[in-house]
């Protein structure tokens, strides 16, 4: 029987503001409990449970159980890519309060987009990899693995189903692409493992360490402080 995608069914799930805020919070790649997501969405815990049930039912969110606790995360990189693409298309809404402004500023500077680098820092790293011939500026396909090897990044031999080795992900704050895909995930994990980046206690923001500034300056000739 002939069929076509039913965009409206997903749009109805994502279009509710509380659920949209939950999805955006999960875009950081961390698995979060319902209490944290309720706080993010500014709804009561009981209401958050209803919203999460709809997100799970739509295949956008999965649940991980650890003993008596339940943690929620995006169902995969394909969902993260769709949410980030919508964020890039969406109009900006005003942010109020010093804490919220500080959080947004930190996320603009450097953040995780599911499991890869985003923000000013993520785009700067991608641009530098293109400039030295590691990536094709047209589509961010891999041209030369040597710069990645110099960074200590292992090139994934195979990518999981529905995930390419590299993918251009439109950055919502920079309005330009950063590196996603299996290789983008490997870059972020390597930077975290080498402690060139650290995750901030809450939210999606990342902090570049002194060791990271030195290493990226030496290996990529990237001046992080100038970004």
C-alpha atoms as a PDB file:
ATOM      1  CA  UNK A   1       0.000   0.000   0.000  1.00  0.00           C
ATOM      2  CA  UNK A   2       1.330   3.450  -0.909  1.00  0.00           C
ATOM      3  CA  UNK A   3       2.254   5.739   1.961  1.00  0.00           C
ATOM      4  CA  UNK A   4       4.043   8.997   2.690  1.00  0.00           C
ATOM      5  CA  UNK A   5       5.561  10.623   5.800  1.00  0.00           C
ATOM      6  CA  UNK A   6       3.052  12.042   8.269  1.00  0.00           C
ATOM      7  CA  UNK A   7       4.951  15.160   9.374  1.00  0.00           C
ATOM      8  CA  UNK A   8       1.988  16.518  11.286  1.00  0.00           C
ATOM      9  CA  UNK A   9       1.987  13.671  13.823  1.00  0.00           C
ATOM     10  CA  UNK A  10       5.562  14.454  14.882  1.00  0.00           C
ATOM     11  CA  UNK A  11       4.934  18.196  14.665  1.00  0.00           C
ATOM     12  CA  UNK A  12       2.067  17.868  17.157  1.00  0.00           C
ATOM     13  CA  UNK A  13       4.352  16.111  19.634  1.00  0.00           C
ATOM     14  CA  UNK A  14       7.267  18.504  19.255  1.00  0.00           C
ATOM     15  CA  UNK A  15       5.093  21.609  18.961  1.00  0.00           C
ATOM     16  CA  UNK A  16       3.980  21.694  22.605  1.00  0.00           C
ATOM     17  CA  UNK A  17       6.346  24.162  24.370  1.00  0.00           C
ATOM     18  CA  UNK A  18       7.077  21.995  27.417  1.00  0.00           C
ATOM     19  CA  UNK A  19       7.951  18.982  25.258  1.00  0.00           C
ATOM     20  CA  UNK A  20      10.073  21.159  22.979  1.00  0.00           C
ATOM     21  CA  UNK A  21      12.071  22.387  25.990  1.00  0.00           C
ATOM     22  CA  UNK A  22      12.582  18.801  27.145  1.00  0.00           C
ATOM     23  CA  UNK A  23      13.903  17.774  23.733  1.00  0.00           C
ATOM     24  CA  UNK A  24      16.245  20.741  23.670  1.00  0.00           C
ATOM     25  CA  UNK A  25      17.602  19.839  27.120  1.00  0.00           C
ATOM     26  CA  UNK A  26      18.208  16.258  25.976  1.00  0.00           C
ATOM     27  CA  UNK A  27      20.103  17.557  22.951  1.00  0.00           C
ATOM     28  CA  UNK A  28      23.105  17.829  25.262  1.00  0.00           C
ATOM     29  CA  UNK A  29      23.495  14.051  25.064  1.00  0.00           C
ATOM     30  CA  UNK A  30      23.060  13.373  28.776  1.00  0.00           C
ATOM     31  CA  UNK A  31      20.395  11.025  30.122  1.00  0.00           C
ATOM     32  CA  UNK A  32      18.218  13.061  32.505  1.00  0.00           C
ATOM     33  CA  UNK A  33      15.657  12.109  35.155  1.00  0.00           C
ATOM     34  CA  UNK A  34      12.078  13.289  34.886  1.00  0.00           C
ATOM     35  CA  UNK A  35      12.571  15.719  37.786  1.00  0.00           C
ATOM     36  CA  UNK A  36      15.270  17.604  35.878  1.00  0.00           C
ATOM     37  CA  UNK A  37      13.159  17.686  32.741  1.00  0.00           C
ATOM     38  CA  UNK A  38      10.143  18.923  34.696  1.00  0.00           C
ATOM     39  CA  UNK A  39      12.262  21.798  36.029  1.00  0.00           C
ATOM     40  CA  UNK A  40      13.537  22.604  32.542  1.00  0.00           C
ATOM     41  CA  UNK A  41      10.041  22.566  31.083  1.00  0.00           C
ATOM     42  CA  UNK A  42       8.641  24.540  34.037  1.00  0.00           C
ATOM     43  CA  UNK A  43       5.863  22.035  34.693  1.00  0.00           C
ATOM     44  CA  UNK A  44       4.828  19.856  37.626  1.00  0.00           C
ATOM     45  CA  UNK A  45       6.396  16.366  37.867  1.00  0.00           C
ATOM     46  CA  UNK A  46       3.049  14.724  37.136  1.00  0.00           C
ATOM     47  CA  UNK A  47       2.627  16.851  34.011  1.00  0.00           C
ATOM     48  CA  UNK A  48       6.188  16.083  32.949  1.00  0.00           C
ATOM     49  CA  UNK A  49       5.421  12.362  33.113  1.00  0.00           C
ATOM     50  CA  UNK A  50       2.534  12.831  30.688  1.00  0.00           C
ATOM     51  CA  UNK A  51       4.711  14.788  28.282  1.00  0.00           C
ATOM     52  CA  UNK A  52       7.507  12.215  28.480  1.00  0.00           C
ATOM     53  CA  UNK A  53       5.040   9.412  27.739  1.00  0.00           C
ATOM     54  CA  UNK A  54       4.087  11.179  24.521  1.00  0.00           C
ATOM     55  CA  UNK A  55       7.713  11.718  23.536  1.00  0.00           C
ATOM     56  CA  UNK A  56       8.463   8.053  24.197  1.00  0.00           C
ATOM     57  CA  UNK A  57       5.376   6.941  22.297  1.00  0.00           C
ATOM     58  CA  UNK A  58       6.450   9.007  19.293  1.00  0.00           C
ATOM     59  CA  UNK A  59       9.849   7.304  19.272  1.00  0.00           C
ATOM     60  CA  UNK A  60      11.725  10.518  20.081  1.00  0.00           C
ATOM     61  CA  UNK A  61      12.893   9.601  23.592  1.00  0.00           C
ATOM     62  CA  UNK A  62      13.972   6.358  25.237  1.00  0.00           C
ATOM     63  CA  UNK A  63      14.137   5.367  28.915  1.00  0.00           C
ATOM     64  CA  UNK A  64      17.098   3.810  30.709  1.00  0.00           C
ATOM     65  CA  UNK A  65      16.516   2.157  34.076  1.00  0.00           C
ATOM     66  CA  UNK A  66      19.186   2.067  36.759  1.00  0.00           C
ATOM     67  CA  UNK A  67      17.750   0.335  39.778  1.00  0.00           C
ATOM     68  CA  UNK A  68      14.741   2.337  40.917  1.00  0.00           C
ATOM     69  CA  UNK A  69      15.702   5.339  38.801  1.00  0.00           C
ATOM     70  CA  UNK A  70      14.633   6.160  35.253  1.00  0.00           C
ATOM     71  CA  UNK A  71      16.666   8.334  32.925  1.00  0.00           C
ATOM     72  CA  UNK A  72      15.574   9.762  29.598  1.00  0.00           C
ATOM     73  CA  UNK A  73      17.614  10.454  26.478  1.00  0.00           C
ATOM     74  CA  UNK A  74      16.996  11.142  22.804  1.00  0.00           C
ATOM     75  CA  UNK A  75      16.299   8.002  20.796  1.00  0.00           C
ATOM     76  CA  UNK A  76      19.379   8.492  18.637  1.00  0.00           C
ATOM     77  CA  UNK A  77      21.453  10.845  16.495  1.00  0.00           C
ATOM     78  CA  UNK A  78      18.693  10.981  13.880  1.00  0.00           C
ATOM     79  CA  UNK A  79      16.392  12.607  16.453  1.00  0.00           C
ATOM     80  CA  UNK A  80      19.159  14.953  17.601  1.00  0.00           C
ATOM     81  CA  UNK A  81      19.776  16.036  14.004  1.00  0.00           C
ATOM     82  CA  UNK A  82      16.090  16.805  13.498  1.00  0.00           C
ATOM     83  CA  UNK A  83      15.866  18.825  16.720  1.00  0.00           C
ATOM     84  CA  UNK A  84      19.032  20.805  15.932  1.00  0.00           C
ATOM     85  CA  UNK A  85      17.742  21.528  12.414  1.00  0.00           C
ATOM     86  CA  UNK A  86      14.474  22.846  13.845  1.00  0.00           C
ATOM     87  CA  UNK A  87      16.424  24.984  16.330  1.00  0.00           C
ATOM     88  CA  UNK A  88      18.334  26.543  13.436  1.00  0.00           C
ATOM     89  CA  UNK A  89      15.048  27.409  11.702  1.00  0.00           C
ATOM     90  CA  UNK A  90      13.244  28.675  14.785  1.00  0.00           C
ATOM     91  CA  UNK A  91      13.016  32.362  15.735  1.00  0.00           C
ATOM     92  CA  UNK A  92      14.893  33.389  18.865  1.00  0.00           C
ATOM     93  CA  UNK A  93      12.894  33.914  22.037  1.00  0.00           C
ATOM     94  CA  UNK A  94      13.952  36.398  24.724  1.00  0.00           C
ATOM     95  CA  UNK A  95      15.815  35.077  27.764  1.00  0.00           C
ATOM     96  CA  UNK A  96      15.316  36.694  31.157  1.00  0.00           C
ATOM     97  CA  UNK A  97      17.378  36.437  34.327  1.00  0.00           C
ATOM     98  CA  UNK A  98      21.133  36.519  34.837  1.00  0.00           C
ATOM     99  CA  UNK A  99      21.446  32.747  35.311  1.00  0.00           C
ATOM    100  CA  UNK A 100      19.576  31.990  32.085  1.00  0.00           C
ATOM    101  CA  UNK A 101      21.596  34.572  30.151  1.00  0.00           C
ATOM    102  CA  UNK A 102      24.869  33.121  31.470  1.00  0.00           C
ATOM    103  CA  UNK A 103      23.745  29.620  30.449  1.00  0.00           C
ATOM    104  CA  UNK A 104      22.849  30.698  26.916  1.00  0.00           C
ATOM    105  CA  UNK A 105      26.110  32.631  26.513  1.00  0.00           C
ATOM    106  CA  UNK A 106      28.110  29.578  27.648  1.00  0.00           C
ATOM    107  CA  UNK A 107      26.201  27.313  25.242  1.00  0.00           C
ATOM    108  CA  UNK A 108      26.784  29.702  22.360  1.00  0.00           C
ATOM    109  CA  UNK A 109      30.519  29.590  23.066  1.00  0.00           C
ATOM    110  CA  UNK A 110      30.859  25.786  23.215  1.00  0.00           C
ATOM    111  CA  UNK A 111      28.309  23.038  23.716  1.00  0.00           C
ATOM    112  CA  UNK A 112      27.522  19.448  22.918  1.00  0.00           C
ATOM    113  CA  UNK A 113      25.012  18.843  20.146  1.00  0.00           C
ATOM    114  CA  UNK A 114      23.941  15.351  21.219  1.00  0.00           C
ATOM    115  CA  UNK A 115      27.399  13.735  20.959  1.00  0.00           C
ATOM    116  CA  UNK A 116      29.396  16.178  18.841  1.00  0.00           C
ATOM    117  CA  UNK A 117      30.808  19.700  19.157  1.00  0.00           C
ATOM    118  CA  UNK A 118      28.746  22.809  18.478  1.00  0.00           C
ATOM    119  CA  UNK A 119      28.735  26.521  19.173  1.00  0.00           C
ATOM    120  CA  UNK A 120      31.441  29.020  18.269  1.00  0.00           C
ATOM    121  CA  UNK A 121      34.136  26.558  19.317  1.00  0.00           C
ATOM    122  CA  UNK A 122      32.648  23.630  17.391  1.00  0.00           C
ATOM    123  CA  UNK A 123      32.341  25.678  14.211  1.00  0.00           C
ATOM    124  CA  UNK A 124      35.888  27.029  14.656  1.00  0.00           C
ATOM    125  CA  UNK A 125      37.303  23.498  14.937  1.00  0.00           C
ATOM    126  CA  UNK A 126      35.337  22.432  11.843  1.00  0.00           C
ATOM    127  CA  UNK A 127      36.503  25.483   9.881  1.00  0.00           C
ATOM    128  CA  UNK A 128      40.124  24.802  10.807  1.00  0.00           C
ATOM    129  CA  UNK A 129      39.872  21.147   9.759  1.00  0.00           C
ATOM    130  CA  UNK A 130      38.513  22.333   6.401  1.00  0.00           C
ATOM    131  CA  UNK A 131      41.264  24.941   6.047  1.00  0.00           C
ATOM    132  CA  UNK A 132      44.047  22.364   6.488  1.00  0.00           C
ATOM    133  CA  UNK A 133      42.447  19.888   4.080  1.00  0.00           C
ATOM    134  CA  UNK A 134      41.092  17.321   6.520  1.00  0.00           C
ATOM    135  CA  UNK A 135      37.459  17.946   5.556  1.00  0.00           C
ATOM    136  CA  UNK A 136      35.770  19.009   2.333  1.00  0.00           C
ATOM    137  CA  UNK A 137      34.219  22.456   2.951  1.00  0.00           C
ATOM    138  CA  UNK A 138      31.346  21.609   0.609  1.00  0.00           C
ATOM    139  CA  UNK A 139      29.885  18.735   2.624  1.00  0.00           C
ATOM    140  CA  UNK A 140      32.396  18.017   5.449  1.00  0.00           C
ATOM    141  CA  UNK A 141      33.300  14.635   3.972  1.00  0.00           C
ATOM    142  CA  UNK A 142      36.656  13.227   5.075  1.00  0.00           C
ATOM    143  CA  UNK A 143      39.572  14.100   2.781  1.00  0.00           C
ATOM    144  CA  UNK A 144      42.659  13.520   4.921  1.00  0.00           C
ATOM    145  CA  UNK A 145      42.630  11.541   8.193  1.00  0.00           C
ATOM    146  CA  UNK A 146      46.113  12.723   9.242  1.00  0.00           C
ATOM    147  CA  UNK A 147      44.968  15.800  11.229  1.00  0.00           C
ATOM    148  CA  UNK A 148      42.471  13.657  13.126  1.00  0.00           C
ATOM    149  CA  UNK A 149      45.181  11.106  13.905  1.00  0.00           C
ATOM    150  CA  UNK A 150      47.386  13.960  15.162  1.00  0.00           C
ATOM    151  CA  UNK A 151      44.578  14.907  17.539  1.00  0.00           C
ATOM    152  CA  UNK A 152      44.394  11.319  18.774  1.00  0.00           C
ATOM    153  CA  UNK A 153      41.006  10.731  17.147  1.00  0.00           C
ATOM    154  CA  UNK A 154      40.470   7.173  15.907  1.00  0.00           C
ATOM    155  CA  UNK A 155      38.635   7.224  12.568  1.00  0.00           C
ATOM    156  CA  UNK A 156      35.570   4.972  12.976  1.00  0.00           C
ATOM    157  CA  UNK A 157      35.886   1.964  10.693  1.00  0.00           C
ATOM    158  CA  UNK A 158      32.128   1.675  10.314  1.00  0.00           C
ATOM    159  CA  UNK A 159      29.195   3.837  11.283  1.00  0.00           C
ATOM    160  CA  UNK A 160      25.998   2.509  12.879  1.00  0.00           C
ATOM    161  CA  UNK A 161      22.870   2.141  10.818  1.00  0.00           C
ATOM    162  CA  UNK A 162      21.395   5.508   9.765  1.00  0.00           C
ATOM    163  CA  UNK A 163      24.606   7.301  10.737  1.00  0.00           C
ATOM    164  CA  UNK A 164      27.187   8.499   8.201  1.00  0.00           C
ATOM    165  CA  UNK A 165      30.878   8.887   8.976  1.00  0.00           C
ATOM    166  CA  UNK A 166      30.593  12.657   8.621  1.00  0.00           C
ATOM    167  CA  UNK A 167      27.639  14.996   8.343  1.00  0.00           C
ATOM    168  CA  UNK A 168      27.224  18.760   8.201  1.00  0.00           C
ATOM    169  CA  UNK A 169      24.957  19.830  11.080  1.00  0.00           C
ATOM    170  CA  UNK A 170      23.639  23.397  10.877  1.00  0.00           C
ATOM    171  CA  UNK A 171      24.581  25.188  14.087  1.00  0.00           C
ATOM    172  CA  UNK A 172      21.584  27.092  15.491  1.00  0.00           C
ATOM    173  CA  UNK A 173      23.662  29.847  17.108  1.00  0.00           C
ATOM    174  CA  UNK A 174      26.345  30.271  14.428  1.00  0.00           C
ATOM    175  CA  UNK A 175      24.004  29.570  11.484  1.00  0.00           C
ATOM    176  CA  UNK A 176      26.862  27.646   9.881  1.00  0.00           C
ATOM    177  CA  UNK A 177      27.720  23.920   9.823  1.00  0.00           C
ATOM    178  CA  UNK A 178      29.708  21.997  12.391  1.00  0.00           C
ATOM    179  CA  UNK A 179      30.945  18.410  12.096  1.00  0.00           C
ATOM    180  CA  UNK A 180      28.509  15.677  13.099  1.00  0.00           C
ATOM    181  CA  UNK A 181      28.263  11.962  12.295  1.00  0.00           C
ATOM    182  CA  UNK A 182      30.364   9.156  13.729  1.00  0.00           C
ATOM    183  CA  UNK A 183      33.587  11.124  13.234  1.00  0.00           C
ATOM    184  CA  UNK A 184      32.152  14.196  14.941  1.00  0.00           C
ATOM    185  CA  UNK A 185      31.221  12.027  17.920  1.00  0.00           C
ATOM    186  CA  UNK A 186      34.751  10.599  18.020  1.00  0.00           C
ATOM    187  CA  UNK A 187      36.215  14.122  18.088  1.00  0.00           C
ATOM    188  CA  UNK A 188      34.113  15.201  21.063  1.00  0.00           C
ATOM    189  CA  UNK A 189      34.821  12.009  23.001  1.00  0.00           C
ATOM    190  CA  UNK A 190      38.562  12.353  22.374  1.00  0.00           C
ATOM    191  CA  UNK A 191      38.580  15.992  23.546  1.00  0.00           C
ATOM    192  CA  UNK A 192      36.727  14.966  26.718  1.00  0.00           C
ATOM    193  CA  UNK A 193      38.970  11.941  27.332  1.00  0.00           C
ATOM    194  CA  UNK A 194      42.083  14.098  26.942  1.00  0.00           C
ATOM    195  CA  UNK A 195      40.538  16.740  29.210  1.00  0.00           C
ATOM    196  CA  UNK A 196      40.809  19.396  26.534  1.00  0.00           C
ATOM    197  CA  UNK A 197      37.126  19.994  27.234  1.00  0.00           C
ATOM    198  CA  UNK A 198      35.058  19.578  30.371  1.00  0.00           C
ATOM    199  CA  UNK A 199      31.294  19.480  30.756  1.00  0.00           C
ATOM    200  CA  UNK A 200      29.741  22.151  32.915  1.00  0.00           C
ATOM    201  CA  UNK A 201      27.720  20.803  35.879  1.00  0.00           C
ATOM    202  CA  UNK A 202      24.361  21.357  34.199  1.00  0.00           C
ATOM    203  CA  UNK A 203      23.123  22.053  30.703  1.00  0.00           C
ATOM    204  CA  UNK A 204      24.891  21.536  27.391  1.00  0.00           C
ATOM    205  CA  UNK A 205      27.794  23.961  27.758  1.00  0.00           C
ATOM    206  CA  UNK A 206      31.414  22.835  27.510  1.00  0.00           C
ATOM    207  CA  UNK A 207      34.520  24.608  28.790  1.00  0.00           C
ATOM    208  CA  UNK A 208      37.853  24.596  26.954  1.00  0.00           C
ATOM    209  CA  UNK A 209      40.684  23.851  29.385  1.00  0.00           C
ATOM    210  CA  UNK A 210      44.174  25.358  29.354  1.00  0.00           C
ATOM    211  CA  UNK A 211      45.469  21.985  28.142  1.00  0.00           C
ATOM    212  CA  UNK A 212      42.946  22.099  25.308  1.00  0.00           C
ATOM    213  CA  UNK A 213      44.005  25.596  24.245  1.00  0.00           C
ATOM    214  CA  UNK A 214      47.645  24.553  24.155  1.00  0.00           C
ATOM    215  CA  UNK A 215      47.000  21.281  22.306  1.00  0.00           C
ATOM    216  CA  UNK A 216      44.742  22.802  19.671  1.00  0.00           C
ATOM    217  CA  UNK A 217      47.195  25.631  19.179  1.00  0.00           C
ATOM    218  CA  UNK A 218      50.068  23.200  18.676  1.00  0.00           C
ATOM    219  CA  UNK A 219      48.257  20.643  16.513  1.00  0.00           C
ATOM    220  CA  UNK A 220      45.775  22.733  14.523  1.00  0.00           C
ATOM    221  CA  UNK A 221      47.248  26.234  14.935  1.00  0.00           C
ATOM    222  CA  UNK A 222      43.816  27.195  16.299  1.00  0.00           C
ATOM    223  CA  UNK A 223      43.717  30.222  18.590  1.00  0.00           C
ATOM    224  CA  UNK A 224      40.794  29.353  20.848  1.00  0.00           C
ATOM    225  CA  UNK A 225      40.941  32.663  22.751  1.00  0.00           C
ATOM    226  CA  UNK A 226      40.503  34.595  19.520  1.00  0.00           C
ATOM    227  CA  UNK A 227      37.163  32.955  18.830  1.00  0.00           C
END
